[in-house]
């Protein structure tokens, strides 16, 4: 709603912005943790969980806005 009324987005532009916002957490968080020998458990779990949730949310967004 904010994208449509505040920023004046519609159609393909609104669809693209909402899809980008719903993408899962990037692998970079895990890669940085592993590279600098930090705890990788939280980044690993976050990447897995957000990837699984994005499958549902991206499909729902596509149905509602597509």
N, C-alpha and C. Protein backbone atom coordinates (compact mmCIF):
# COMPACT_ATOMS: atom_id res chain seq x y z
N UNK A 1 0.82 -1.19 0.00
CA UNK A 1 0.00 0.00 0.00
C UNK A 1 0.86 1.25 0.00
N UNK A 2 1.93 1.24 0.76
CA UNK A 2 2.81 2.40 0.83
C UNK A 2 3.44 2.69 -0.53
N UNK A 3 3.87 1.64 -1.21
CA UNK A 3 4.48 1.81 -2.53
C UNK A 3 3.51 2.39 -3.55
N UNK A 4 2.27 2.00 -3.44
CA UNK A 4 1.27 2.46 -4.40
C UNK A 4 0.88 3.91 -4.15
N UNK A 5 0.56 4.24 -2.88
CA UNK A 5 0.01 5.57 -2.61
C UNK A 5 1.07 6.63 -2.33
N UNK A 6 2.13 6.27 -1.66
CA UNK A 6 3.15 7.26 -1.32
C UNK A 6 4.12 7.48 -2.47
N UNK A 7 4.57 6.37 -3.08
CA UNK A 7 5.57 6.47 -4.14
C UNK A 7 4.97 6.42 -5.54
N UNK A 8 3.68 6.20 -5.64
CA UNK A 8 3.01 6.21 -6.93
C UNK A 8 3.39 5.05 -7.84
N UNK A 9 3.77 3.94 -7.24
CA UNK A 9 4.14 2.78 -8.05
C UNK A 9 2.89 1.98 -8.41
N UNK A 10 2.95 1.35 -9.55
CA UNK A 10 1.85 0.50 -9.97
C UNK A 10 2.35 -0.53 -10.95
N UNK A 11 1.58 -1.52 -11.17
CA UNK A 11 1.90 -2.54 -12.17
C UNK A 11 3.21 -3.24 -11.93
N UNK A 12 4.03 -3.27 -12.96
CA UNK A 12 5.30 -4.00 -12.90
C UNK A 12 6.28 -3.40 -11.89
N UNK A 13 6.26 -2.09 -11.73
CA UNK A 13 7.18 -1.45 -10.79
C UNK A 13 6.87 -1.87 -9.35
N UNK A 14 5.61 -1.86 -8.98
CA UNK A 14 5.20 -2.26 -7.65
C UNK A 14 5.52 -3.73 -7.42
N UNK A 15 5.24 -4.56 -8.41
CA UNK A 15 5.52 -5.99 -8.32
C UNK A 15 7.01 -6.23 -8.09
N UNK A 16 7.87 -5.55 -8.83
CA UNK A 16 9.32 -5.73 -8.70
C UNK A 16 9.83 -5.28 -7.34
N UNK A 17 9.34 -4.17 -6.84
CA UNK A 17 9.79 -3.66 -5.55
C UNK A 17 9.37 -4.60 -4.43
N UNK A 18 8.15 -5.07 -4.47
CA UNK A 18 7.67 -5.97 -3.42
C UNK A 18 8.42 -7.31 -3.49
N UNK A 19 8.68 -7.83 -4.67
CA UNK A 19 9.44 -9.08 -4.78
C UNK A 19 10.86 -8.91 -4.25
N UNK A 20 11.50 -7.82 -4.55
CA UNK A 20 12.86 -7.58 -4.04
C UNK A 20 12.87 -7.49 -2.53
N UNK A 21 11.86 -6.89 -1.96
CA UNK A 21 11.78 -6.76 -0.50
C UNK A 21 11.54 -8.11 0.17
N UNK A 22 10.94 -9.05 -0.54
CA UNK A 22 10.61 -10.35 0.04
C UNK A 22 11.68 -11.41 -0.17
N UNK A 23 12.78 -11.05 -0.82
CA UNK A 23 13.84 -12.02 -1.06
C UNK A 23 14.49 -12.45 0.25
N UNK A 24 15.03 -13.67 0.28
CA UNK A 24 15.66 -14.16 1.52
C UNK A 24 16.98 -13.46 1.82
N UNK A 25 17.46 -13.66 3.03
CA UNK A 25 18.74 -13.10 3.45
C UNK A 25 19.85 -13.63 2.56
N UNK A 26 20.77 -12.77 2.21
CA UNK A 26 21.86 -13.14 1.31
C UNK A 26 22.83 -14.10 1.99
N UNK A 27 23.48 -14.90 1.18
CA UNK A 27 24.50 -15.82 1.66
C UNK A 27 25.71 -15.09 2.23
N UNK A 28 25.84 -13.80 1.92
CA UNK A 28 27.01 -13.04 2.37
C UNK A 28 27.18 -13.09 3.89
N UNK A 29 26.10 -13.09 4.63
CA UNK A 29 26.20 -13.13 6.09
C UNK A 29 26.91 -14.40 6.54
N UNK A 30 26.55 -15.53 5.95
CA UNK A 30 27.21 -16.79 6.29
C UNK A 30 28.65 -16.81 5.81
N UNK A 31 28.89 -16.32 4.61
CA UNK A 31 30.25 -16.33 4.06
C UNK A 31 31.18 -15.47 4.90
N UNK A 32 30.73 -14.29 5.32
CA UNK A 32 31.57 -13.43 6.16
C UNK A 32 31.86 -14.10 7.50
N UNK A 33 30.84 -14.72 8.10
CA UNK A 33 31.05 -15.39 9.39
C UNK A 33 32.05 -16.53 9.25
N UNK A 34 31.95 -17.30 8.19
CA UNK A 34 32.87 -18.41 7.99
C UNK A 34 34.28 -17.90 7.69
N UNK A 35 34.38 -16.86 6.88
CA UNK A 35 35.69 -16.32 6.49
C UNK A 35 36.46 -15.76 7.69
N UNK A 36 35.75 -15.09 8.59
CA UNK A 36 36.39 -14.49 9.74
C UNK A 36 36.32 -15.37 10.98
N UNK A 37 35.96 -16.63 10.78
CA UNK A 37 35.91 -17.64 11.83
C UNK A 37 35.05 -17.23 13.02
N UNK A 38 33.88 -16.70 12.68
CA UNK A 38 32.89 -16.34 13.69
C UNK A 38 31.88 -17.47 13.79
N UNK A 39 30.96 -17.37 14.71
CA UNK A 39 29.92 -18.38 14.85
C UNK A 39 29.03 -18.37 13.60
N UNK A 40 28.93 -19.50 12.94
CA UNK A 40 28.15 -19.59 11.70
C UNK A 40 26.75 -20.17 11.91
N UNK A 41 26.42 -20.53 13.13
CA UNK A 41 25.12 -21.17 13.37
C UNK A 41 23.95 -20.22 13.10
N UNK A 42 23.99 -19.03 13.64
CA UNK A 42 22.89 -18.07 13.43
C UNK A 42 22.75 -17.65 11.97
N UNK A 43 23.84 -17.27 11.29
CA UNK A 43 23.69 -16.92 9.86
C UNK A 43 23.20 -18.11 9.02
N UNK A 44 23.68 -19.29 9.31
CA UNK A 44 23.24 -20.49 8.57
C UNK A 44 21.76 -20.72 8.74
N UNK A 45 21.29 -20.66 9.99
CA UNK A 45 19.87 -20.88 10.25
C UNK A 45 19.00 -19.77 9.66
N UNK A 46 19.50 -18.55 9.71
CA UNK A 46 18.76 -17.42 9.15
C UNK A 46 18.60 -17.55 7.64
N UNK A 47 19.68 -17.91 6.96
CA UNK A 47 19.61 -18.10 5.51
C UNK A 47 18.64 -19.23 5.17
N UNK A 48 18.70 -20.33 5.89
CA UNK A 48 17.80 -21.45 5.63
C UNK A 48 16.34 -21.06 5.88
N UNK A 49 16.07 -20.45 7.02
CA UNK A 49 14.69 -20.09 7.36
C UNK A 49 14.12 -19.06 6.40
N UNK A 50 14.88 -18.03 6.08
CA UNK A 50 14.35 -17.01 5.17
C UNK A 50 14.17 -17.54 3.75
N UNK A 51 15.01 -18.49 3.36
CA UNK A 51 14.83 -19.10 2.04
C UNK A 51 13.55 -19.92 2.00
N UNK A 52 13.28 -20.69 3.03
CA UNK A 52 12.06 -21.47 3.08
C UNK A 52 10.82 -20.57 3.14
N UNK A 53 10.88 -19.53 3.96
CA UNK A 53 9.74 -18.61 4.05
C UNK A 53 9.53 -17.83 2.76
N UNK A 54 10.61 -17.54 2.05
CA UNK A 54 10.46 -16.77 0.81
C UNK A 54 9.74 -17.56 -0.27
N UNK A 55 9.87 -18.87 -0.24
CA UNK A 55 9.14 -19.68 -1.23
C UNK A 55 7.64 -19.46 -1.10
N UNK A 56 7.17 -19.40 0.13
CA UNK A 56 5.75 -19.18 0.37
C UNK A 56 5.38 -17.73 0.09
N UNK A 57 6.16 -16.80 0.62
CA UNK A 57 5.80 -15.39 0.48
C UNK A 57 5.90 -14.91 -0.97
N UNK A 58 6.93 -15.35 -1.70
CA UNK A 58 7.06 -14.94 -3.10
C UNK A 58 5.92 -15.49 -3.95
N UNK A 59 5.50 -16.71 -3.66
CA UNK A 59 4.36 -17.28 -4.38
C UNK A 59 3.08 -16.52 -4.09
N UNK A 60 2.89 -16.17 -2.83
CA UNK A 60 1.70 -15.41 -2.44
C UNK A 60 1.71 -14.02 -3.08
N UNK A 61 2.84 -13.37 -3.08
CA UNK A 61 2.96 -12.05 -3.71
C UNK A 61 2.64 -12.14 -5.20
N UNK A 62 3.16 -13.17 -5.86
CA UNK A 62 2.91 -13.34 -7.29
C UNK A 62 1.43 -13.54 -7.58
N UNK A 63 0.76 -14.26 -6.71
CA UNK A 63 -0.68 -14.48 -6.91
C UNK A 63 -1.47 -13.19 -6.67
N UNK A 64 -1.11 -12.44 -5.63
CA UNK A 64 -1.85 -11.25 -5.28
C UNK A 64 -1.57 -10.06 -6.22
N UNK A 65 -0.32 -9.90 -6.63
CA UNK A 65 0.02 -8.74 -7.45
C UNK A 65 0.22 -9.07 -8.93
N UNK A 66 0.36 -10.35 -9.24
CA UNK A 66 0.69 -10.73 -10.62
C UNK A 66 -0.45 -10.76 -11.56
